Amino acid sequence: MLSQEDIRKNLYKQKVIKDTVDIARSRVAKDFFQINKLELKSGAPLPKYWHWFFCWETAEDKHLGLDGHIKPGNNIIPDTGFPRRMWGGSEINFYKPLLIGMEITRIITLEGINYKRGNSGDFCIIEIKNELKNNETTLLIERQSLVYLPVRTGFDQKVTNPHNKLSEVGSNRKYTENQLFKYSALTMNSHRIHYDLDYCKTNEYYPSLVVHGPLLAQNLISVADQRFEGRLQFFKYRALNPIFVCDEFTVNTSDTGEFWITNKSGVLSMSAVAS
């Protein structure tokens, strides 16, 4: 575990990544999400939450951990003593859309290192701010919660209470192995739980490949933006239980600004609020 002095020294470290919003990756995303009506030309706006397809944070293989992610200590995230990384959730403020051809800068800031104790033991939450800019204009700010956990010896699905709202609209969806691979490539996400079945079962004790948290969130954000007629400005979500490859899940919406995903057994997988 990090000392309070180590935490203080690591807070507010930054990394800056520059990129261009290109047509090639936009076309791949358009095909992936099957948005036939999306026009791809210079200056055209992209759907919300597509910023993860640009400004990738990458590293040489020697800097990667067993799970495929950049090993803590090789970027602005220090080694907290817990090796397993999961995406806990995000809070996003949307200001301006990404435009094809736009030069963008991602500023990554380490904002929090918090040790916690839960029902299954100690863990650490890393708070990251991702600010996306075009010159001096802020396009969006996403605050991301990364959960670092100890090595585990088995998988028990978290028990959650049923959602207390009735879904106004619900749609059933699922993702294949091929789609998970494509999304990993599109986001340059090398976490092995999304494509390496042997690793999933042997190291993480999952029954199958895990659908990406941001991919599930994209389903909710897309529905929310439709609900707000393209004027979605704020979205906050929390990942609660995994969805596995080829398993059907349900995207739920309500007229109260709440959105959520349940798995094939009706267990709450992701909850969100939007405005």
C-alpha atoms as a PDB file:
ATOM      1  CA  MET A   1       0.000   0.000   0.000  1.00  0.00           C
ATOM      2  CA  LEU A   2       1.107   3.544  -0.687  1.00  0.00           C
ATOM      3  CA  SER A   3       1.913   5.837   2.198  1.00  0.00           C
ATOM      4  CA  GLN A   4       0.156   9.171   2.544  1.00  0.00           C
ATOM      5  CA  GLU A   5       3.366  10.851   1.391  1.00  0.00           C
ATOM      6  CA  ASP A   6       3.498   8.622  -1.715  1.00  0.00           C
ATOM      7  CA  ILE A   7      -0.134   9.468  -2.460  1.00  0.00           C
ATOM      8  CA  ARG A   8       0.594  13.173  -2.109  1.00  0.00           C
ATOM      9  CA  LYS A   9       3.566  12.953  -4.479  1.00  0.00           C
ATOM     10  CA  ASN A  10       1.547  11.151  -7.167  1.00  0.00           C
ATOM     11  CA  LEU A  11      -1.591  13.274  -7.114  1.00  0.00           C
ATOM     12  CA  TYR A  12      -2.173  15.616 -10.064  1.00  0.00           C
ATOM     13  CA  LYS A  13       0.438  14.006 -12.285  1.00  0.00           C
ATOM     14  CA  GLN A  14      -0.508  14.479 -15.939  1.00  0.00           C
ATOM     15  CA  LYS A  15      -0.017  12.914 -19.335  1.00  0.00           C
ATOM     16  CA  VAL A  16      -0.850  14.633 -22.624  1.00  0.00           C
ATOM     17  CA  ILE A  17      -1.769  12.746 -25.813  1.00  0.00           C
ATOM     18  CA  LYS A  18      -2.478  14.406 -29.177  1.00  0.00           C
ATOM     19  CA  ASP A  19      -4.422  12.916 -32.081  1.00  0.00           C
ATOM     20  CA  THR A  20      -6.577  13.672 -35.110  1.00  0.00           C
ATOM     21  CA  VAL A  21     -10.223  12.636 -35.446  1.00  0.00           C
ATOM     22  CA  ASP A  22      -9.782  10.664 -38.641  1.00  0.00           C
ATOM     23  CA  ILE A  23     -12.301   9.181 -41.061  1.00  0.00           C
ATOM     24  CA  ALA A  24     -10.732   5.705 -40.918  1.00  0.00           C
ATOM     25  CA  ARG A  25     -11.505   5.029 -37.239  1.00  0.00           C
ATOM     26  CA  SER A  26     -14.824   6.848 -37.587  1.00  0.00           C
ATOM     27  CA  ARG A  27     -15.777   4.501 -40.415  1.00  0.00           C
ATOM     28  CA  VAL A  28     -14.883   1.452 -38.330  1.00  0.00           C
ATOM     29  CA  ALA A  29     -17.045   2.775 -35.480  1.00  0.00           C
ATOM     30  CA  LYS A  30     -19.910   3.559 -37.869  1.00  0.00           C
ATOM     31  CA  ASP A  31     -19.840  -0.015 -39.161  1.00  0.00           C
ATOM     32  CA  PHE A  32     -19.509  -1.454 -35.671  1.00  0.00           C
ATOM     33  CA  PHE A  33     -22.583   0.367 -34.375  1.00  0.00           C
ATOM     34  CA  GLN A  34     -24.423   0.029 -37.705  1.00  0.00           C
ATOM     35  CA  ILE A  35     -25.279   3.727 -37.988  1.00  0.00           C
ATOM     36  CA  ASN A  36     -25.962   3.876 -41.724  1.00  0.00           C
ATOM     37  CA  LYS A  37     -27.269   7.433 -41.676  1.00  0.00           C
ATOM     38  CA  LEU A  38     -24.070   8.867 -40.116  1.00  0.00           C
ATOM     39  CA  GLU A  39     -22.345  11.096 -42.659  1.00  0.00           C
ATOM     40  CA  LEU A  40     -18.553  10.867 -42.660  1.00  0.00           C
ATOM     41  CA  LYS A  41     -16.902  13.927 -44.162  1.00  0.00           C
ATOM     42  CA  SER A  42     -14.522  16.607 -42.965  1.00  0.00           C
ATOM     43  CA  GLY A  43     -16.168  18.727 -40.274  1.00  0.00           C
ATOM     44  CA  ALA A  44     -18.992  16.271 -39.585  1.00  0.00           C
ATOM     45  CA  PRO A  45     -19.827  15.690 -35.879  1.00  0.00           C
ATOM     46  CA  LEU A  46     -19.462  12.257 -34.274  1.00  0.00           C
ATOM     47  CA  PRO A  47     -21.824  10.655 -31.754  1.00  0.00           C
ATOM     48  CA  LYS A  48     -21.243  11.219 -28.055  1.00  0.00           C
ATOM     49  CA  TYR A  49     -18.773   9.006 -26.210  1.00  0.00           C
ATOM     50  CA  TRP A  50     -16.730   8.167 -29.289  1.00  0.00           C
ATOM     51  CA  HIS A  51     -13.707   9.966 -27.840  1.00  0.00           C
ATOM     52  CA  TRP A  52     -12.287   6.624 -26.618  1.00  0.00           C
ATOM     53  CA  PHE A  53     -11.513   5.765 -30.253  1.00  0.00           C
ATOM     54  CA  PHE A  54      -8.874   8.511 -30.303  1.00  0.00           C
ATOM     55  CA  CYS A  55      -5.920   9.666 -28.162  1.00  0.00           C
ATOM     56  CA  TRP A  56      -5.004   6.107 -27.206  1.00  0.00           C
ATOM     57  CA  GLU A  57      -2.621   5.611 -24.278  1.00  0.00           C
ATOM     58  CA  THR A  58      -0.200   2.901 -25.392  1.00  0.00           C
ATOM     59  CA  ALA A  59       3.069   1.370 -24.172  1.00  0.00           C
ATOM     60  CA  GLU A  60       5.693  -1.172 -25.179  1.00  0.00           C
ATOM     61  CA  ASP A  61       4.956  -4.782 -24.258  1.00  0.00           C
ATOM     62  CA  LYS A  62       7.608  -4.722 -21.525  1.00  0.00           C
ATOM     63  CA  HIS A  63       5.486  -2.153 -19.664  1.00  0.00           C
ATOM     64  CA  LEU A  64       2.309  -4.263 -19.722  1.00  0.00           C
ATOM     65  CA  GLY A  65       1.062  -6.337 -16.807  1.00  0.00           C
ATOM     66  CA  LEU A  66      -0.274  -9.885 -16.864  1.00  0.00           C
ATOM     67  CA  ASP A  67      -3.777  -8.580 -17.610  1.00  0.00           C
ATOM     68  CA  GLY A  68      -2.609  -6.735 -20.743  1.00  0.00           C
ATOM     69  CA  HIS A  69      -3.025  -3.223 -19.315  1.00  0.00           C
ATOM     70  CA  ILE A  70      -0.144  -0.825 -18.751  1.00  0.00           C
ATOM     71  CA  LYS A  71       1.317  -1.992 -15.459  1.00  0.00           C
ATOM     72  CA  PRO A  72       0.934   0.587 -12.659  1.00  0.00           C
ATOM     73  CA  GLY A  73       4.168   2.465 -12.188  1.00  0.00           C
ATOM     74  CA  ASN A  74       4.736   2.691 -15.954  1.00  0.00           C
ATOM     75  CA  ASN A  75       2.342   5.622 -16.441  1.00  0.00           C
ATOM     76  CA  ILE A  76       0.879   8.234 -14.078  1.00  0.00           C
ATOM     77  CA  ILE A  77      -0.897   5.516 -12.060  1.00  0.00           C
ATOM     78  CA  PRO A  78       1.366   4.260  -9.259  1.00  0.00           C
ATOM     79  CA  ASP A  79       1.550   0.695  -7.964  1.00  0.00           C
ATOM     80  CA  THR A  80      -1.079   0.616  -5.217  1.00  0.00           C
ATOM     81  CA  GLY A  81      -0.341  -2.970  -4.236  1.00  0.00           C
ATOM     82  CA  PHE A  82      -3.429  -4.360  -5.977  1.00  0.00           C
ATOM     83  CA  PRO A  83      -2.904  -5.958  -9.413  1.00  0.00           C
ATOM     84  CA  ARG A  84      -6.424  -6.442 -10.824  1.00  0.00           C
ATOM     85  CA  ARG A  85      -7.916  -3.474 -12.664  1.00  0.00           C
ATOM     86  CA  MET A  86     -11.598  -2.928 -13.407  1.00  0.00           C
ATOM     87  CA  TRP A  87     -13.516   0.044 -14.802  1.00  0.00           C
ATOM     88  CA  GLY A  88     -15.857   1.145 -12.004  1.00  0.00           C
ATOM     89  CA  GLY A  89     -17.713   3.940 -13.766  1.00  0.00           C
ATOM     90  CA  SER A  90     -17.508   7.460 -15.165  1.00  0.00           C
ATOM     91  CA  GLU A  91     -19.021  10.928 -14.957  1.00  0.00           C
ATOM     92  CA  ILE A  92     -19.033  12.826 -18.260  1.00  0.00           C
ATOM     93  CA  ASN A  93     -19.795  16.425 -19.154  1.00  0.00           C
ATOM     94  CA  PHE A  94     -20.319  16.937 -22.895  1.00  0.00           C
ATOM     95  CA  TYR A  95     -19.651  20.472 -24.173  1.00  0.00           C
ATOM     96  CA  LYS A  96     -18.823  20.304 -27.901  1.00  0.00           C
ATOM     97  CA  PRO A  97     -18.881  17.410 -30.401  1.00  0.00           C
ATOM     98  CA  LEU A  98     -15.809  15.834 -31.951  1.00  0.00           C
ATOM     99  CA  LEU A  99     -15.590  16.781 -35.638  1.00  0.00           C
ATOM    100  CA  ILE A 100     -13.909  14.701 -38.322  1.00  0.00           C
ATOM    101  CA  GLY A 101     -10.536  16.229 -39.146  1.00  0.00           C
ATOM    102  CA  MET A 102     -10.290  17.998 -35.791  1.00  0.00           C
ATOM    103  CA  GLU A 103      -6.953  18.098 -33.952  1.00  0.00           C
ATOM    104  CA  ILE A 104      -7.553  17.042 -30.348  1.00  0.00           C
ATOM    105  CA  THR A 105      -5.583  16.808 -27.127  1.00  0.00           C
ATOM    106  CA  ARG A 106      -6.327  14.468 -24.237  1.00  0.00           C
ATOM    107  CA  ILE A 107      -5.053  15.661 -20.858  1.00  0.00           C
ATOM    108  CA  ILE A 108      -5.009  12.833 -18.299  1.00  0.00           C
ATOM    109  CA  THR A 109      -4.796  13.908 -14.643  1.00  0.00           C
ATOM    110  CA  LEU A 110      -4.530  11.655 -11.600  1.00  0.00           C
ATOM    111  CA  GLU A 111      -7.010  13.206  -9.154  1.00  0.00           C
ATOM    112  CA  GLY A 112      -7.484  10.611  -6.417  1.00  0.00           C
ATOM    113  CA  ILE A 113      -5.986   7.535  -4.746  1.00  0.00           C
ATOM    114  CA  ASN A 114      -8.340   6.107  -2.132  1.00  0.00           C
ATOM    115  CA  TYR A 115      -7.972   2.856  -0.243  1.00  0.00           C
ATOM    116  CA  LYS A 116     -11.249   1.207   0.725  1.00  0.00           C
ATOM    117  CA  ARG A 117     -12.492  -1.874   2.534  1.00  0.00           C
ATOM    118  CA  GLY A 118     -15.485  -3.803   1.199  1.00  0.00           C
ATOM    119  CA  ASN A 119     -17.251  -7.072   1.921  1.00  0.00           C
ATOM    120  CA  SER A 120     -14.565  -8.980   0.017  1.00  0.00           C
ATOM    121  CA  GLY A 121     -11.577  -7.125   1.500  1.00  0.00           C
ATOM    122  CA  ASP A 122      -9.333  -4.158   0.742  1.00  0.00           C
ATOM    123  CA  PHE A 123      -9.141  -2.421  -2.635  1.00  0.00           C
ATOM    124  CA  CYS A 124      -8.104   0.920  -4.127  1.00  0.00           C
ATOM    125  CA  ILE A 125      -9.997   3.415  -6.278  1.00  0.00           C
ATOM    126  CA  ILE A 126      -7.993   5.556  -8.704  1.00  0.00           C
ATOM    127  CA  GLU A 127      -9.750   8.704  -9.915  1.00  0.00           C
ATOM    128  CA  ILE A 128      -8.683   9.946 -13.344  1.00  0.00           C
ATOM    129  CA  LYS A 129      -9.789  13.100 -15.153  1.00  0.00           C
ATOM    130  CA  ASN A 130      -9.738  12.954 -18.950  1.00  0.00           C
ATOM    131  CA  GLU A 131     -10.113  16.369 -20.544  1.00  0.00           C
ATOM    132  CA  LEU A 132     -10.462  16.484 -24.316  1.00  0.00           C
ATOM    133  CA  LYS A 133      -9.633  19.776 -26.015  1.00  0.00           C
ATOM    134  CA  ASN A 134      -9.411  21.320 -29.459  1.00  0.00           C
ATOM    135  CA  ASN A 135      -6.864  24.107 -29.040  1.00  0.00           C
ATOM    136  CA  GLU A 136      -8.266  26.041 -26.049  1.00  0.00           C
ATOM    137  CA  THR A 137     -11.823  24.737 -26.402  1.00  0.00           C
ATOM    138  CA  THR A 138     -12.854  21.988 -23.995  1.00  0.00           C
ATOM    139  CA  LEU A 139     -14.931  19.359 -25.799  1.00  0.00           C
ATOM    140  CA  LEU A 140     -15.672  17.127 -22.827  1.00  0.00           C
ATOM    141  CA  ILE A 141     -14.475  16.133 -19.387  1.00  0.00           C
ATOM    142  CA  GLU A 142     -14.774  12.569 -18.167  1.00  0.00           C
ATOM    143  CA  ARG A 143     -13.919  11.589 -14.619  1.00  0.00           C
ATOM    144  CA  GLN A 144     -13.171   7.888 -14.550  1.00  0.00           C
ATOM    145  CA  SER A 145     -13.080   5.549 -11.537  1.00  0.00           C
ATOM    146  CA  LEU A 146     -10.648   2.646 -11.849  1.00  0.00           C
ATOM    147  CA  VAL A 147     -10.890  -0.071  -9.223  1.00  0.00           C
ATOM    148  CA  TYR A 148      -7.737  -1.991  -8.308  1.00  0.00           C
ATOM    149  CA  LEU A 149      -8.353  -5.281  -6.544  1.00  0.00           C
ATOM    150  CA  PRO A 150      -6.295  -8.100  -5.005  1.00  0.00           C
ATOM    151  CA  VAL A 151      -5.745 -11.423  -6.765  1.00  0.00           C
ATOM    152  CA  ARG A 152      -8.890 -13.482  -6.402  1.00  0.00           C
ATOM    153  CA  THR A 153      -9.508 -17.186  -6.138  1.00  0.00           C
ATOM    154  CA  GLY A 154     -13.047 -17.331  -7.495  1.00  0.00           C
ATOM    155  CA  PHE A 155     -15.915 -15.333  -8.972  1.00  0.00           C
ATOM    156  CA  ASP A 156     -19.139 -14.599  -7.145  1.00  0.00           C
ATOM    157  CA  GLN A 157     -21.650 -12.331  -8.826  1.00  0.00           C
ATOM    158  CA  LYS A 158     -22.476  -9.328  -6.696  1.00  0.00           C
ATOM    159  CA  VAL A 159     -26.018  -9.462  -5.352  1.00  0.00           C
ATOM    160  CA  THR A 160     -27.951  -6.278  -6.143  1.00  0.00           C
ATOM    161  CA  ASN A 161     -31.500  -5.292  -5.345  1.00  0.00           C
ATOM    162  CA  PRO A 162     -33.936  -5.198  -8.276  1.00  0.00           C
ATOM    163  CA  HIS A 163     -34.221  -1.790  -9.907  1.00  0.00           C
ATOM    164  CA  ASN A 164     -37.103   0.044  -8.266  1.00  0.00           C
ATOM    165  CA  LYS A 165     -38.220   1.749 -11.474  1.00  0.00           C
ATOM    166  CA  LEU A 166     -40.247   0.215 -14.239  1.00  0.00           C
ATOM    167  CA  SER A 167     -38.582   0.428 -17.619  1.00  0.00           C
ATOM    168  CA  GLU A 168     -40.472   2.688 -19.997  1.00  0.00           C
ATOM    169  CA  VAL A 169     -38.632   1.171 -22.950  1.00  0.00           C
ATOM    170  CA  GLY A 170     -36.460  -1.927 -23.013  1.00  0.00           C
ATOM    171  CA  SER A 171     -34.417  -3.529 -25.792  1.00  0.00           C
ATOM    172  CA  ASN A 172     -32.553  -6.835 -25.748  1.00  0.00           C
ATOM    173  CA  ARG A 173     -29.016  -7.001 -27.119  1.00  0.00           C
ATOM    174  CA  LYS A 174     -25.885  -9.171 -27.028  1.00  0.00           C
ATOM    175  CA  TYR A 175     -22.301  -9.106 -28.295  1.00  0.00           C
ATOM    176  CA  THR A 176     -20.256 -11.813 -29.990  1.00  0.00           C
ATOM    177  CA  GLU A 177     -16.560 -12.688 -29.603  1.00  0.00           C
ATOM    178  CA  ASN A 178     -15.884 -10.978 -32.924  1.00  0.00           C
ATOM    179  CA  GLN A 179     -17.545  -7.763 -31.768  1.00  0.00           C
ATOM    180  CA  LEU A 180     -15.585  -7.719 -28.498  1.00  0.00           C
ATOM    181  CA  PHE A 181     -12.360  -8.123 -30.448  1.00  0.00           C
ATOM    182  CA  LYS A 182     -13.287  -5.251 -32.764  1.00  0.00           C
ATOM    183  CA  TYR A 183     -14.179  -2.959 -29.868  1.00  0.00           C
ATOM    184  CA  SER A 184     -10.895  -3.793 -28.108  1.00  0.00           C
ATOM    185  CA  ALA A 185      -9.044  -2.852 -31.292  1.00  0.00           C
ATOM    186  CA  LEU A 186     -11.090   0.319 -31.813  1.00  0.00           C
ATOM    187  CA  THR A 187     -10.294   1.532 -28.278  1.00  0.00           C
ATOM    188  CA  MET A 188      -6.786  -0.016 -28.136  1.00  0.00           C
ATOM    189  CA  ASN A 189      -7.892  -1.827 -24.979  1.00  0.00           C
ATOM    190  CA  SER A 190      -5.593  -4.798 -24.377  1.00  0.00           C
ATOM    191  CA  HIS A 191      -7.306  -6.060 -21.210  1.00  0.00           C
ATOM    192  CA  ARG A 192      -7.342  -9.823 -21.704  1.00  0.00           C
ATOM    193  CA  ILE A 193     -10.755 -10.368 -20.105  1.00  0.00           C
ATOM    194  CA  HIS A 194     -12.286  -9.190 -23.397  1.00  0.00           C
ATOM    195  CA  TYR A 195     -10.552 -11.593 -25.815  1.00  0.00           C
ATOM    196  CA  ASP A 196      -8.511 -14.268 -23.978  1.00  0.00           C
ATOM    197  CA  LEU A 197     -10.904 -16.958 -22.758  1.00  0.00           C
ATOM    198  CA  ASP A 198      -8.202 -19.038 -21.061  1.00  0.00           C
ATOM    199  CA  TYR A 199      -7.021 -15.992 -19.088  1.00  0.00           C
ATOM    200  CA  CYS A 200     -10.630 -15.178 -18.133  1.00  0.00           C
ATOM    201  CA  LYS A 201     -11.231 -18.613 -16.679  1.00  0.00           C
ATOM    202  CA  THR A 202      -7.786 -19.314 -15.192  1.00  0.00           C
ATOM    203  CA  ASN A 203      -6.833 -15.910 -13.764  1.00  0.00           C
ATOM    204  CA  GLU A 204     -10.102 -14.019 -13.271  1.00  0.00           C
ATOM    205  CA  TYR A 205     -12.411 -17.013 -12.733  1.00  0.00           C
ATOM    206  CA  TYR A 206     -15.036 -15.588 -15.077  1.00  0.00           C
ATOM    207  CA  PRO A 207     -17.196 -18.139 -16.912  1.00  0.00           C
ATOM    208  CA  SER A 208     -16.625 -16.398 -20.258  1.00  0.00           C
ATOM    209  CA  LEU A 209     -15.321 -13.254 -21.976  1.00  0.00           C
ATOM    210  CA  VAL A 210     -16.480  -9.965 -20.442  1.00  0.00           C
ATOM    211  CA  VAL A 211     -18.212  -7.199 -22.404  1.00  0.00           C
ATOM    212  CA  HIS A 212     -16.393  -3.854 -22.051  1.00  0.00           C
ATOM    213  CA  GLY A 213     -17.864  -1.450 -19.497  1.00  0.00           C
ATOM    214  CA  PRO A 214     -17.587   1.534 -21.890  1.00  0.00           C
ATOM    215  CA  LEU A 215     -19.337  -0.486 -24.604  1.00  0.00           C
ATOM    216  CA  LEU A 216     -22.280  -1.135 -22.296  1.00  0.00           C
ATOM    217  CA  ALA A 217     -22.220   2.547 -21.325  1.00  0.00           C
ATOM    218  CA  GLN A 218     -22.310   3.487 -25.029  1.00  0.00           C
ATOM    219  CA  ASN A 219     -25.648   1.691 -25.304  1.00  0.00           C
ATOM    220  CA  LEU A 220     -27.050   3.789 -22.462  1.00  0.00           C
ATOM    221  CA  ILE A 221     -25.523   7.053 -23.693  1.00  0.00           C
ATOM    222  CA  SER A 222     -26.926   6.537 -27.187  1.00  0.00           C
ATOM    223  CA  VAL A 223     -30.403   5.896 -25.779  1.00  0.00           C
ATOM    224  CA  ALA A 224     -30.098   8.869 -23.422  1.00  0.00           C
ATOM    225  CA  ASP A 225     -29.003  11.205 -26.224  1.00  0.00           C
ATOM    226  CA  GLN A 226     -32.010  10.107 -28.262  1.00  0.00           C
ATOM    227  CA  ARG A 227     -34.255  10.753 -25.273  1.00  0.00           C
ATOM    228  CA  PHE A 228     -32.827  14.275 -24.940  1.00  0.00           C
ATOM    229  CA  GLU A 229     -33.039  14.826 -28.712  1.00  0.00           C
ATOM    230  CA  GLY A 230     -29.285  15.204 -29.123  1.00  0.00           C
ATOM    231  CA  ARG A 231     -28.887  17.626 -26.221  1.00  0.00           C
ATOM    232  CA  LEU A 232     -27.379  15.235 -23.668  1.00  0.00           C
ATOM    233  CA  GLN A 233     -24.962  17.241 -21.507  1.00  0.00           C
ATOM    234  CA  PHE A 234     -24.267  15.059 -18.477  1.00  0.00           C
ATOM    235  CA  PHE A 235     -24.034  11.309 -17.984  1.00  0.00           C
ATOM    236  CA  LYS A 236     -22.900   9.323 -14.945  1.00  0.00           C
ATOM    237  CA  TYR A 237     -22.772   5.558 -14.780  1.00  0.00           C
ATOM    238  CA  ARG A 238     -21.652   2.836 -12.408  1.00  0.00           C
ATOM    239  CA  ALA A 239     -20.686  -0.721 -13.359  1.00  0.00           C
ATOM    240  CA  LEU A 240     -22.116  -3.274 -10.913  1.00  0.00           C
ATOM    241  CA  ASN A 241     -21.996  -6.726 -12.516  1.00  0.00           C
ATOM    242  CA  PRO A 242     -20.383  -8.056 -15.697  1.00  0.00           C
ATOM    243  CA  ILE A 243     -22.167  -8.987 -18.892  1.00  0.00           C
ATOM    244  CA  PHE A 244     -20.633 -11.957 -20.684  1.00  0.00           C
ATOM    245  CA  VAL A 245     -20.144 -12.573 -24.385  1.00  0.00           C
ATOM    246  CA  CYS A 246     -23.192 -13.875 -26.291  1.00  0.00           C
ATOM    247  CA  ASP A 247     -25.410 -13.391 -23.221  1.00  0.00           C
ATOM    248  CA  GLU A 248     -28.517 -11.325 -23.823  1.00  0.00           C
ATOM    249  CA  PHE A 249     -28.872  -8.142 -21.774  1.00  0.00           C
ATOM    250  CA  THR A 250     -31.590  -5.501 -21.605  1.00  0.00           C
ATOM    251  CA  VAL A 251     -31.152  -1.747 -22.023  1.00  0.00           C
ATOM    252  CA  ASN A 252     -33.780   0.045 -19.914  1.00  0.00           C
ATOM    253  CA  THR A 253     -34.934   3.662 -19.917  1.00  0.00           C
ATOM    254  CA  SER A 254     -37.343   5.727 -17.877  1.00  0.00           C
ATOM    255  CA  ASP A 255     -38.798   9.212 -18.063  1.00  0.00           C
ATOM    256  CA  THR A 256     -36.953  10.232 -14.870  1.00  0.00           C
ATOM    257  CA  GLY A 257     -33.496  10.467 -16.462  1.00  0.00           C
ATOM    258  CA  GLU A 258     -32.463   7.037 -15.204  1.00  0.00           C
ATOM    259  CA  PHE A 259     -31.039   4.363 -17.485  1.00  0.00           C
ATOM    260  CA  TRP A 260     -29.862   0.863 -16.620  1.00  0.00           C
ATOM    261  CA  ILE A 261     -28.788  -2.513 -17.931  1.00  0.00           C
ATOM    262  CA  THR A 262     -29.873  -5.887 -16.571  1.00  0.00           C
ATOM    263  CA  ASN A 263     -28.385  -9.252 -17.461  1.00  0.00           C
ATOM    264  CA  LYS A 264     -30.243 -12.335 -18.709  1.00  0.00           C
ATOM    265  CA  SER A 265     -31.269 -13.167 -15.124  1.00  0.00           C
ATOM    266  CA  GLY A 266     -32.562  -9.665 -14.432  1.00  0.00           C
ATOM    267  CA  VAL A 267     -29.579  -8.732 -12.231  1.00  0.00           C
ATOM    268  CA  LEU A 268     -28.607  -5.058 -12.402  1.00  0.00           C
ATOM    269  CA  SER A 269     -25.375  -4.722 -14.363  1.00  0.00           C
ATOM    270  CA  MET A 270     -25.027  -0.957 -14.911  1.00  0.00           C
ATOM    271  CA  SER A 271     -26.961   2.033 -13.595  1.00  0.00           C
ATOM    272  CA  ALA A 272     -26.842   5.584 -14.910  1.00  0.00           C
ATOM    273  CA  VAL A 273     -28.364   9.042 -14.669  1.00  0.00           C
ATOM    274  CA  ALA A 274     -28.436  11.629 -17.433  1.00  0.00           C
ATOM    275  CA  SER A 275     -29.503  15.186 -18.082  1.00  0.00           C
END
